[in-house]
Every structure is written in structure tokens, then in C-alpha cells.
C-alpha atoms as a PDB file:
ATOM      1  CA  MET A   1     235.865  20.866  45.927  1.00  0.00           C
ATOM      2  CA  TRP A   2     238.561  20.604  48.678  1.00  0.00           C
ATOM      3  CA  ARG A   3     237.256  17.413  49.697  1.00  0.00           C
ATOM      4  CA  THR A   4     237.653  15.535  46.318  1.00  0.00           C
ATOM      5  CA  PHE A   5     240.778  17.343  46.196  1.00  0.00           C
ATOM      6  CA  TRP A   6     242.153  15.594  49.453  1.00  0.00           C
ATOM      7  CA  ASP A   7     240.413  12.026  48.169  1.00  0.00           C
ATOM      8  CA  ILE A   8     242.653  12.045  45.137  1.00  0.00           C
ATOM      9  CA  ILE A   9     245.923  13.001  47.188  1.00  0.00           C
ATOM     10  CA  LYS A  10     245.286  10.682  49.764  1.00  0.00           C
ATOM     11  CA  THR A  11     244.162   7.636  47.318  1.00  0.00           C
ATOM     12  CA  THR A  12     247.443   8.389  45.063  1.00  0.00           C
ATOM     13  CA  PHE A  13     250.424   8.782  48.174  1.00  0.00           C
ATOM     14  CA  VAL A  14     248.406   5.914  50.116  1.00  0.00           C
ATOM     15  CA  ALA A  15     246.950   3.200  47.849  1.00  0.00           C
ATOM     16  CA  LEU A  16     249.088   3.511  45.305  1.00  0.00           C
ATOM     17  CA  PRO A  17     252.264   2.395  47.483  1.00  0.00           C
ATOM     18  CA  ILE A  18     250.400  -0.169  48.565  1.00  0.00           C
ATOM     19  CA  GLY A  19     249.305  -1.657  45.510  1.00  0.00           C
ATOM     20  CA  LEU A  20     252.939  -1.927  44.467  1.00  0.00           C
ATOM     21  CA  TYR A  21     254.075  -2.958  47.683  1.00  0.00           C
ATOM     22  CA  THR A  22     251.973  -6.548  46.753  1.00  0.00           C
ATOM     23  CA  THR A  23     253.088  -6.776  43.642  1.00  0.00           C
ATOM     24  CA  PHE A  24     256.307  -6.416  44.620  1.00  0.00           C
ATOM     25  CA  ARG A  25     255.922  -8.999  46.824  1.00  0.00           C
ATOM     26  CA  HIS A  26     254.735 -10.980  44.555  1.00  0.00           C
ATOM     27  CA  LEU A  27     257.493 -10.691  42.008  1.00  0.00           C
ATOM     28  CA  PHE A  28     260.042 -12.802  43.223  1.00  0.00           C
ATOM     29  CA  LYS A  29     257.753 -15.948  44.298  1.00  0.00           C
ATOM     30  CA  LYS A  30     257.799 -19.087  42.343  1.00  0.00           C
ATOM     31  CA  PRO A  31     255.125 -19.111  40.089  1.00  0.00           C
ATOM     32  CA  VAL A  32     252.063 -21.371  40.787  1.00  0.00           C
ATOM     33  CA  THR A  33     250.904 -21.618  37.093  1.00  0.00           C
ATOM     34  CA  LYS A  34     251.972 -25.315  35.117  1.00  0.00           C
ATOM     35  CA  LYS A  35     253.379 -25.351  31.890  1.00  0.00           C
ATOM     36  CA  TYR A  36     250.333 -26.927  30.501  1.00  0.00           C
ATOM     37  CA  PRO A  37     250.547 -28.738  27.163  1.00  0.00           C
ATOM     38  CA  ARG A  38     253.990 -29.918  28.226  1.00  0.00           C
ATOM     39  CA  VAL A  39     252.754 -31.021  31.782  1.00  0.00           C
ATOM     40  CA  LYS A  40     249.461 -31.789  32.560  1.00  0.00           C
ATOM     41  CA  SER A  41     248.288 -32.184  36.100  1.00  0.00           C
ATOM     42  CA  GLU A  42     247.064 -35.544  37.100  1.00  0.00           C
ATOM     43  CA  MET A  43     242.870 -36.110  37.527  1.00  0.00           C
ATOM     44  CA  ALA A  44     241.152 -37.154  40.430  1.00  0.00           C
ATOM     45  CA  PRO A  45     240.750 -40.797  40.574  1.00  0.00           C
ATOM     46  CA  ARG A  46     237.066 -40.893  40.498  1.00  0.00           C
ATOM     47  CA  TYR A  47     236.921 -37.953  37.911  1.00  0.00           C
ATOM     48  CA  ARG A  48     234.821 -38.683  35.040  1.00  0.00           C
ATOM     49  CA  GLY A  49     236.102 -37.686  31.645  1.00  0.00           C
ATOM     50  CA  LEU A  50     235.204 -38.907  27.852  1.00  0.00           C
ATOM     51  CA  HIS A  51     233.627 -42.263  27.543  1.00  0.00           C
ATOM     52  CA  TYR A  52     235.225 -45.058  25.676  1.00  0.00           C
ATOM     53  CA  LEU A  53     234.188 -49.043  24.827  1.00  0.00           C
ATOM     54  CA  GLU A  54     236.139 -52.312  26.087  1.00  0.00           C
ATOM     55  CA  ARG A  55     236.828 -55.101  24.218  1.00  0.00           C
ATOM     56  CA  TYR A  56     237.450 -58.353  24.871  1.00  0.00           C
ATOM     57  CA  GLU A  57     240.411 -60.059  25.414  1.00  0.00           C
ATOM     58  CA  ASP A  58     239.563 -61.453  21.330  1.00  0.00           C
ATOM     59  CA  GLY A  59     239.464 -58.389  20.331  1.00  0.00           C
ATOM     60  CA  SER A  60     235.173 -58.585  19.837  1.00  0.00           C
ATOM     61  CA  GLU A  61     233.349 -55.643  21.209  1.00  0.00           C
ATOM     62  CA  ARG A  62     231.590 -55.916  24.681  1.00  0.00           C
ATOM     63  CA  CYS A  63     228.403 -54.280  24.207  1.00  0.00           C
ATOM     64  CA  VAL A  64     225.493 -56.330  23.501  1.00  0.00           C
ATOM     65  CA  CYS A  65     223.485 -53.216  22.687  1.00  0.00           C
ATOM     66  CA  CYS A  66     220.903 -54.146  25.778  1.00  0.00           C
ATOM     67  CA  GLY A  67     220.231 -50.134  26.081  1.00  0.00           C
ATOM     68  CA  LEU A  68     220.115 -50.220  30.006  1.00  0.00           C
ATOM     69  CA  CYS A  69     222.674 -47.353  28.940  1.00  0.00           C
ATOM     70  CA  ALA A  70     220.884 -45.745  27.365  1.00  0.00           C
ATOM     71  CA  ALA A  71     217.240 -45.950  29.553  1.00  0.00           C
ATOM     72  CA  ALA A  72     219.552 -45.009  32.512  1.00  0.00           C
ATOM     73  CA  CYS A  73     221.153 -41.761  30.788  1.00  0.00           C
ATOM     74  CA  PRO A  74     218.772 -38.702  32.806  1.00  0.00           C
ATOM     75  CA  ALA A  75     220.139 -36.383  29.994  1.00  0.00           C
ATOM     76  CA  ASP A  76     219.031 -38.683  26.648  1.00  0.00           C
ATOM     77  CA  ALA A  77     222.527 -38.540  25.062  1.00  0.00           C
ATOM     78  CA  ILE A  78     223.480 -41.859  24.189  1.00  0.00           C
ATOM     79  CA  TYR A  79     221.701 -43.799  20.568  1.00  0.00           C
ATOM     80  CA  MET A  80     221.885 -47.177  19.391  1.00  0.00           C
ATOM     81  CA  GLU A  81     220.312 -49.602  16.990  1.00  0.00           C
ATOM     82  CA  PRO A  82     220.982 -53.363  17.892  1.00  0.00           C
ATOM     83  CA  ALA A  83     222.004 -56.063  15.025  1.00  0.00           C
ATOM     84  CA  GLU A  84     223.459 -59.832  15.008  1.00  0.00           C
ATOM     85  CA  ASN A  85     226.087 -61.355  13.613  1.00  0.00           C
ATOM     86  CA  GLU A  86     226.404 -64.529  11.674  1.00  0.00           C
ATOM     87  CA  LYS A  87     227.112 -66.348  14.964  1.00  0.00           C
ATOM     88  CA  GLY A  88     223.334 -65.277  16.493  1.00  0.00           C
ATOM     89  CA  GLU A  89     225.347 -62.836  19.117  1.00  0.00           C
ATOM     90  CA  ARG A  90     223.605 -59.577  19.774  1.00  0.00           C
ATOM     91  CA  TYR A  91     226.006 -56.385  18.838  1.00  0.00           C
ATOM     92  CA  ALA A  92     225.531 -52.558  18.314  1.00  0.00           C
ATOM     93  CA  ALA A  93     225.440 -51.776  14.643  1.00  0.00           C
ATOM     94  CA  VAL A  94     225.308 -47.990  15.600  1.00  0.00           C
ATOM     95  CA  TYR A  95     226.288 -46.014  18.752  1.00  0.00           C
ATOM     96  CA  GLU A  96     226.395 -42.904  19.293  1.00  0.00           C
ATOM     97  CA  ILE A  97     227.077 -40.245  22.541  1.00  0.00           C
ATOM     98  CA  ASN A  98     226.197 -36.305  22.589  1.00  0.00           C
ATOM     99  CA  LEU A  99     228.799 -35.196  24.130  1.00  0.00           C
ATOM    100  CA  ILE A 100     227.377 -31.644  24.274  1.00  0.00           C
ATOM    101  CA  ARG A 101     223.842 -33.246  25.881  1.00  0.00           C
ATOM    102  CA  CYS A 102     226.303 -35.385  28.357  1.00  0.00           C
ATOM    103  CA  ILE A 103     226.385 -34.379  31.695  1.00  0.00           C
ATOM    104  CA  PHE A 104     228.944 -36.771  32.814  1.00  0.00           C
ATOM    105  CA  CYS A 105     227.159 -38.303  35.773  1.00  0.00           C
ATOM    106  CA  GLY A 106     228.215 -42.197  34.975  1.00  0.00           C
ATOM    107  CA  PHE A 107     224.979 -43.418  35.562  1.00  0.00           C
ATOM    108  CA  CYS A 108     225.931 -45.462  31.538  1.00  0.00           C
ATOM    109  CA  GLU A 109     228.762 -47.062  33.439  1.00  0.00           C
ATOM    110  CA  GLU A 110     226.838 -47.988  36.142  1.00  0.00           C
ATOM    111  CA  ALA A 111     223.842 -49.839  34.084  1.00  0.00           C
ATOM    112  CA  CYS A 112     225.817 -51.685  31.969  1.00  0.00           C
ATOM    113  CA  PRO A 113     225.904 -55.731  32.851  1.00  0.00           C
ATOM    114  CA  GLU A 114     228.459 -56.629  30.166  1.00  0.00           C
ATOM    115  CA  GLU A 115     231.039 -53.905  31.457  1.00  0.00           C
ATOM    116  CA  ALA A 116     231.474 -52.375  28.036  1.00  0.00           C
ATOM    117  CA  ILE A 117     231.735 -48.277  28.798  1.00  0.00           C
ATOM    118  CA  PHE A 118     233.414 -46.545  30.859  1.00  0.00           C
ATOM    119  CA  LEU A 119     234.199 -43.078  31.847  1.00  0.00           C
ATOM    120  CA  GLY A 120     237.961 -42.242  30.737  1.00  0.00           C
ATOM    121  CA  HIS A 121     240.206 -39.264  32.716  1.00  0.00           C
ATOM    122  CA  GLU A 122     240.556 -37.533  29.417  1.00  0.00           C
ATOM    123  CA  PHE A 123     239.458 -33.964  29.787  1.00  0.00           C
ATOM    124  CA  GLU A 124     240.327 -32.251  26.538  1.00  0.00           C
ATOM    125  CA  LEU A 125     237.513 -32.637  25.117  1.00  0.00           C
ATOM    126  CA  ALA A 126     237.668 -29.037  22.951  1.00  0.00           C
ATOM    127  CA  ASP A 127     236.481 -28.857  18.855  1.00  0.00           C
ATOM    128  CA  ASP A 128     235.406 -26.547  16.549  1.00  0.00           C
ATOM    129  CA  HIS A 129     232.148 -27.771  15.194  1.00  0.00           C
ATOM    130  CA  ARG A 130     229.366 -29.715  17.194  1.00  0.00           C
ATOM    131  CA  ASP A 131     229.027 -32.104  14.722  1.00  0.00           C
ATOM    132  CA  LYS A 132     232.709 -33.256  15.907  1.00  0.00           C
ATOM    133  CA  PHE A 133     231.057 -34.092  19.860  1.00  0.00           C
ATOM    134  CA  ILE A 134     229.084 -36.798  18.498  1.00  0.00           C
ATOM    135  CA  TYR A 135     231.111 -39.773  19.063  1.00  0.00           C
ATOM    136  CA  ASP A 136     230.250 -43.013  17.075  1.00  0.00           C
ATOM    137  CA  LYS A 137     231.193 -46.639  18.269  1.00  0.00           C
ATOM    138  CA  GLU A 138     234.995 -46.591  15.866  1.00  0.00           C
ATOM    139  CA  LYS A 139     235.895 -43.084  18.252  1.00  0.00           C
ATOM    140  CA  MET A 140     235.040 -44.642  21.842  1.00  0.00           C
ATOM    141  CA  LEU A 141     236.234 -48.639  20.958  1.00  0.00           C
ATOM    142  CA  VAL A 142     239.588 -48.902  22.502  1.00  0.00           C
ATOM    143  CA  ASP A 143     242.333 -50.097  20.644  1.00  0.00           C
ATOM    144  CA  HIS A 144     243.129 -53.811  20.637  1.00  0.00           C
ATOM    145  CA  PRO A 145     245.083 -55.630  21.614  1.00  0.00           C
ATOM    146  CA  ARG A 146     245.439 -52.795  24.807  1.00  0.00           C
ATOM    147  CA  LYS A 147     248.695 -51.210  25.763  1.00  0.00           C
ATOM    148  CA  ASP A 148     247.700 -49.063  28.734  1.00  0.00           C
ATOM    149  CA  ARG A 149     245.988 -50.613  32.224  1.00  0.00           C
ATOM    150  CA  PRO A 150     242.055 -49.464  32.024  1.00  0.00           C
ATOM    151  CA  TYR A 151     241.101 -47.386  34.421  1.00  0.00           C
ATOM    152  CA  LYS A 152     238.467 -49.413  35.880  1.00  0.00           C
ATOM    153  CA  THR A 153     239.053 -53.061  37.288  1.00  0.00           C
ATOM    154  CA  LEU A 154     237.089 -55.451  34.611  1.00  0.00           C
ATOM    155  CA  HIS A 155     235.265 -58.006  37.017  1.00  0.00           C
ATOM    156  CA  ARG A 156     233.985 -60.464  34.136  1.00  0.00           C
ATOM    157  CA  ARG A 157     237.477 -60.856  31.232  1.00  0.00           C
ATOM    158  CA  THR A 158     235.224 -63.692  29.808  1.00  0.00           C
ATOM    159  CA  ARG A 159     232.734 -63.817  27.688  1.00  0.00           C
ATOM    160  CA  ARG A 160     229.408 -65.589  28.886  1.00  0.00           C
ATOM    161  CA  HIS A 161     227.864 -68.109  27.229  1.00  0.00           C
ATOM    162  CA  TYR A 162     224.609 -69.441  27.902  1.00  0.00           C
ATOM    163  CA  ASP A 163     222.996 -72.671  26.507  1.00  0.00           C
ATOM    164  CA  VAL A 164     220.118 -72.259  24.249  1.00  0.00           C
END
């Protein structure tokens, strides 16, 4: 009984001042936290965030719905349906990415021969319903004409034309 009493006294008079010393030592230092909504931290250049679909300079879609990105996706998160326009060129009539299944590996970006899909630096992906995590083509297409510079360099700026 006396042993527990002395342990309580020792804890109170020795450990408590050590804890208060640590608190007062950090009380007057500059805070490490950032004011998040107003000040956003810069992401690493190789960070892979939200997907977006690139366009050509004339405003047409780069995606020809070849299916290589869907085949390269290990999580099977990409669904697409091809269609043809009046000129006979293929495009993606339906292009959806399920961000709940996506593991942001970047294989879709590497597999695309047309440099149509890229992973940007957006990291604020929270939402209130699961259906909002299925991004369709209209959500992912960049605005035309583009005001900001793209995250990745596009090696092929113009559309390839094949004589048929």
C-alpha cells in the first residue's frame, strides 16, 4: 500500500513538471501547421492525382477509344464505349473512371498512344456520395482553349492523319 502511495507522489511531483516543461517549451515556437483552405501545399512533380482528358488545339478530343488504358488498368476502373463521327474518326462515346477502384498507378497514362489521358495534381477528391466518384468524359475533359499550361509535356501536338 505504501509503495503505490509513493509511486503516486513521485508521478505527481516528477512527471507533471516534466510534461509542463515540454508544453511551455513549444508554446512560444512558430506553429508548423499551414492555413489549409487558403494556403495549399505544393505537390511533388511526380504526384499522380485526378485524371483529365487532353484535347487537340482545334478542340477535338484526343481519345480514340483504343482500349489500351482500360486493358492496362490493374484495378479495372476504366470503362469505355467507342463510336465514330461523321468523318469516320473514332472517339469515346462513353468514357468513365471509377475513382473508388482506381489506385492512381499511372498505367493508363503510359499506355495511351494518343497522349489523351493524364493524371493531374489535384488532391482534393472528397465527396459526399459514392456515385460522384464515377468521373465521366465531361468531367475529365479540359477546357478549350486551355488557359493554364498542362502538367505533362505533350510530344505530339497535332493529329495524325492516315491515308486509307
